[in-house]
């Protein structure tokens, strides 16, 4: 049975290893260490024990969606995209 990845069941060091392993599964580059700035920001709350891994993923996914034009508040400005 896989070990739990919940904050309550892991140490900070284990959470760092979990994130590194998950992000490097498809990495073919040798000698690459560390994260990009966006990834660091995304998973830092999990590493720090503030948000569960799933919450970090949901938070990131929520920022990826854009409101449709009819739900978007009017800015009153003129945009080349018709906003």
N, C-alpha and C. Protein backbone atom coordinates (compact mmCIF):
# COMPACT_ATOMS: atom_id res chain seq x y z
N UNK A 1 0.85 -1.18 0.00
CA UNK A 1 0.00 0.00 0.00
C UNK A 1 0.89 1.24 0.00
N UNK A 2 0.61 2.23 -0.90
CA UNK A 2 1.44 3.43 -0.96
C UNK A 2 1.33 4.25 0.33
N UNK A 3 2.43 4.91 0.67
CA UNK A 3 2.45 5.77 1.85
C UNK A 3 1.63 7.03 1.59
N UNK A 4 0.96 7.48 2.61
CA UNK A 4 0.14 8.69 2.52
C UNK A 4 1.02 9.90 2.20
N UNK A 5 0.49 10.81 1.40
CA UNK A 5 1.18 12.05 1.06
C UNK A 5 0.58 13.25 1.77
N UNK A 6 -0.33 12.98 2.72
CA UNK A 6 -0.96 14.06 3.48
C UNK A 6 0.07 14.75 4.37
N UNK A 7 -0.14 16.02 4.62
CA UNK A 7 0.77 16.79 5.45
C UNK A 7 0.96 16.14 6.81
N UNK A 8 -0.12 15.66 7.41
CA UNK A 8 -0.04 15.08 8.76
C UNK A 8 0.79 13.80 8.80
N UNK A 9 0.99 13.17 7.64
CA UNK A 9 1.71 11.91 7.58
C UNK A 9 3.13 12.04 7.02
N UNK A 10 3.57 13.27 6.74
CA UNK A 10 4.88 13.47 6.12
C UNK A 10 5.67 14.57 6.83
N UNK A 11 6.98 14.49 6.67
CA UNK A 11 7.84 15.57 7.15
C UNK A 11 8.06 16.54 6.00
N UNK A 12 8.61 17.69 6.29
CA UNK A 12 8.91 18.68 5.26
C UNK A 12 9.85 18.07 4.21
N UNK A 13 10.85 17.36 4.66
CA UNK A 13 11.81 16.73 3.75
C UNK A 13 11.13 15.71 2.84
N UNK A 14 10.19 14.95 3.39
CA UNK A 14 9.44 13.98 2.57
C UNK A 14 8.59 14.70 1.54
N UNK A 15 7.98 15.83 1.92
CA UNK A 15 7.15 16.59 0.97
C UNK A 15 7.99 17.16 -0.16
N UNK A 16 9.20 17.61 0.15
CA UNK A 16 10.11 18.10 -0.89
C UNK A 16 10.42 16.96 -1.86
N UNK A 17 10.73 15.79 -1.32
CA UNK A 17 11.04 14.63 -2.15
C UNK A 17 9.84 14.21 -3.00
N UNK A 18 8.64 14.28 -2.44
CA UNK A 18 7.42 13.94 -3.18
C UNK A 18 7.24 14.87 -4.37
N UNK A 19 7.39 16.16 -4.15
CA UNK A 19 7.23 17.14 -5.22
C UNK A 19 8.32 16.95 -6.27
N UNK A 20 9.56 16.77 -5.84
CA UNK A 20 10.66 16.58 -6.79
C UNK A 20 10.44 15.32 -7.63
N UNK A 21 10.03 14.24 -7.00
CA UNK A 21 9.80 12.99 -7.73
C UNK A 21 8.65 13.15 -8.74
N UNK A 22 7.60 13.81 -8.33
CA UNK A 22 6.44 13.99 -9.22
C UNK A 22 6.78 14.86 -10.41
N UNK A 23 7.61 15.85 -10.21
CA UNK A 23 7.93 16.78 -11.29
C UNK A 23 9.06 16.29 -12.18
N UNK A 24 9.78 15.28 -11.75
CA UNK A 24 10.91 14.82 -12.55
C UNK A 24 10.64 13.49 -13.23
N UNK A 25 9.44 12.97 -13.17
CA UNK A 25 9.15 11.64 -13.72
C UNK A 25 9.45 11.55 -15.21
N UNK A 26 9.30 12.62 -15.95
CA UNK A 26 9.54 12.58 -17.39
C UNK A 26 10.78 13.34 -17.80
N UNK A 27 11.60 13.71 -16.85
CA UNK A 27 12.77 14.53 -17.11
C UNK A 27 13.93 13.66 -17.59
N UNK A 28 14.38 13.91 -18.82
CA UNK A 28 15.49 13.14 -19.37
C UNK A 28 16.82 13.84 -19.19
N UNK A 29 16.82 15.03 -18.57
CA UNK A 29 18.05 15.80 -18.43
C UNK A 29 18.80 15.37 -17.18
N UNK A 30 20.08 15.09 -17.33
CA UNK A 30 20.92 14.75 -16.18
C UNK A 30 21.43 16.03 -15.54
N UNK A 31 21.56 16.00 -14.24
CA UNK A 31 22.14 17.13 -13.53
C UNK A 31 21.21 18.31 -13.34
N UNK A 32 19.95 18.15 -13.65
CA UNK A 32 19.00 19.24 -13.46
C UNK A 32 18.45 19.14 -12.05
N UNK A 33 18.65 20.20 -11.29
CA UNK A 33 18.10 20.20 -9.94
C UNK A 33 17.38 21.51 -9.70
N UNK A 34 16.43 21.49 -8.81
CA UNK A 34 15.67 22.69 -8.51
C UNK A 34 14.42 22.79 -9.36
N UNK A 35 13.63 23.79 -9.05
CA UNK A 35 12.35 23.99 -9.73
C UNK A 35 12.37 25.31 -10.47
N UNK A 36 11.44 25.45 -11.40
CA UNK A 36 11.23 26.75 -12.02
C UNK A 36 10.47 27.61 -11.01
N UNK A 37 10.48 28.90 -11.19
CA UNK A 37 9.83 29.81 -10.24
C UNK A 37 8.36 29.50 -10.08
N UNK A 38 7.63 29.24 -11.18
CA UNK A 38 6.20 28.97 -11.10
C UNK A 38 5.88 27.71 -10.32
N UNK A 39 6.68 26.68 -10.52
CA UNK A 39 6.47 25.43 -9.81
C UNK A 39 6.78 25.61 -8.34
N UNK A 40 7.84 26.33 -8.04
CA UNK A 40 8.19 26.63 -6.65
C UNK A 40 7.00 27.29 -5.95
N UNK A 41 6.46 28.31 -6.58
CA UNK A 41 5.33 29.04 -6.00
C UNK A 41 4.11 28.14 -5.85
N UNK A 42 3.88 27.28 -6.82
CA UNK A 42 2.69 26.43 -6.81
C UNK A 42 2.70 25.42 -5.66
N UNK A 43 3.83 24.78 -5.42
CA UNK A 43 3.90 23.71 -4.43
C UNK A 43 4.51 24.11 -3.09
N UNK A 44 4.95 25.36 -2.96
CA UNK A 44 5.56 25.80 -1.70
C UNK A 44 4.60 25.69 -0.51
N UNK A 45 3.30 26.02 -0.67
CA UNK A 45 2.38 25.85 0.47
C UNK A 45 2.29 24.39 0.95
N UNK A 46 2.39 23.43 0.03
CA UNK A 46 2.38 22.01 0.41
C UNK A 46 3.67 21.68 1.17
N UNK A 47 4.79 22.09 0.61
CA UNK A 47 6.08 21.82 1.25
C UNK A 47 6.11 22.44 2.65
N UNK A 48 5.55 23.62 2.81
CA UNK A 48 5.52 24.31 4.10
C UNK A 48 4.45 23.79 5.05
N UNK A 49 3.61 22.87 4.57
CA UNK A 49 2.57 22.30 5.42
C UNK A 49 1.33 23.16 5.57
N UNK A 50 1.11 24.05 4.63
CA UNK A 50 -0.03 24.97 4.70
C UNK A 50 -1.24 24.48 3.92
N UNK A 51 -1.01 23.85 2.76
CA UNK A 51 -2.08 23.32 1.91
C UNK A 51 -1.72 21.91 1.49
N UNK A 52 -2.74 21.06 1.37
CA UNK A 52 -2.51 19.71 0.88
C UNK A 52 -2.15 19.78 -0.61
N UNK A 53 -1.52 18.75 -1.10
CA UNK A 53 -1.10 18.68 -2.49
C UNK A 53 -2.28 18.88 -3.45
N UNK A 54 -3.38 18.24 -3.16
CA UNK A 54 -4.58 18.38 -4.00
C UNK A 54 -5.07 19.82 -4.01
N UNK A 55 -4.97 20.51 -2.88
CA UNK A 55 -5.41 21.90 -2.81
C UNK A 55 -4.51 22.80 -3.68
N UNK A 56 -3.22 22.53 -3.69
CA UNK A 56 -2.30 23.29 -4.55
C UNK A 56 -2.66 23.08 -6.01
N UNK A 57 -2.96 21.83 -6.37
CA UNK A 57 -3.33 21.54 -7.76
C UNK A 57 -4.64 22.20 -8.14
N UNK A 58 -5.63 22.17 -7.25
CA UNK A 58 -6.92 22.80 -7.53
C UNK A 58 -6.76 24.31 -7.65
N UNK A 59 -5.95 24.89 -6.80
CA UNK A 59 -5.73 26.32 -6.82
C UNK A 59 -5.09 26.74 -8.15
N UNK A 60 -4.15 25.96 -8.61
CA UNK A 60 -3.48 26.25 -9.88
C UNK A 60 -4.46 26.09 -11.04
N UNK A 61 -5.25 25.03 -11.02
CA UNK A 61 -6.22 24.78 -12.09
C UNK A 61 -7.26 25.89 -12.16
N UNK A 62 -7.66 26.43 -11.02
CA UNK A 62 -8.67 27.48 -10.99
C UNK A 62 -8.18 28.74 -11.69
N UNK A 63 -6.87 28.99 -11.64
CA UNK A 63 -6.31 30.17 -12.30
C UNK A 63 -6.22 29.99 -13.81
N UNK A 64 -6.38 28.77 -14.29
CA UNK A 64 -6.25 28.49 -15.71
C UNK A 64 -7.53 28.78 -16.49
N UNK A 65 -8.64 28.90 -15.81
CA UNK A 65 -9.91 29.12 -16.48
C UNK A 65 -10.21 30.60 -16.61
N UNK A 66 -10.81 30.96 -17.74
CA UNK A 66 -11.16 32.34 -18.00
C UNK A 66 -12.67 32.42 -18.15
N UNK A 67 -13.26 33.47 -17.60
CA UNK A 67 -14.70 33.66 -17.74
C UNK A 67 -15.06 33.91 -19.19
N UNK A 68 -16.23 33.42 -19.61
CA UNK A 68 -16.69 33.74 -20.96
C UNK A 68 -17.08 35.22 -21.00
N UNK A 69 -17.17 35.78 -22.19
CA UNK A 69 -17.44 37.21 -22.33
C UNK A 69 -18.73 37.64 -21.64
N UNK A 70 -19.76 36.81 -21.68
CA UNK A 70 -21.03 37.24 -21.06
C UNK A 70 -20.95 37.25 -19.55
N UNK A 71 -20.01 36.53 -18.96
CA UNK A 71 -19.84 36.53 -17.51
C UNK A 71 -18.74 37.48 -17.04
N UNK A 72 -18.00 38.04 -17.99
CA UNK A 72 -16.89 38.92 -17.66
C UNK A 72 -17.42 40.32 -17.40
N UNK A 73 -17.01 40.92 -16.29
CA UNK A 73 -17.45 42.30 -16.03
C UNK A 73 -16.85 43.25 -17.06
N UNK A 74 -17.63 44.23 -17.47
CA UNK A 74 -17.17 45.20 -18.45
C UNK A 74 -16.15 46.13 -17.81
N UNK A 75 -15.03 46.32 -18.51
CA UNK A 75 -14.00 47.23 -18.01
C UNK A 75 -14.18 48.63 -18.57
N UNK A 76 -15.04 48.75 -19.57
CA UNK A 76 -15.27 50.06 -20.16
C UNK A 76 -14.18 50.47 -21.13
N UNK A 77 -13.15 49.65 -21.27
CA UNK A 77 -12.03 49.97 -22.13
C UNK A 77 -12.22 49.36 -23.51
N UNK A 78 -11.36 49.77 -24.41
CA UNK A 78 -11.39 49.22 -25.75
C UNK A 78 -10.23 48.25 -25.88
N UNK A 79 -10.56 47.04 -26.26
CA UNK A 79 -9.57 45.97 -26.37
C UNK A 79 -9.63 45.40 -27.77
N UNK A 80 -8.50 45.04 -28.33
CA UNK A 80 -8.50 44.48 -29.68
C UNK A 80 -9.22 43.15 -29.74
N UNK A 81 -9.44 42.53 -28.58
CA UNK A 81 -10.14 41.25 -28.52
C UNK A 81 -11.65 41.47 -28.35
N UNK A 82 -12.09 42.72 -28.29
CA UNK A 82 -13.51 43.01 -28.13
C UNK A 82 -13.97 42.96 -26.68
N UNK A 83 -13.09 43.14 -25.75
CA UNK A 83 -13.44 43.09 -24.31
C UNK A 83 -14.15 44.35 -23.88
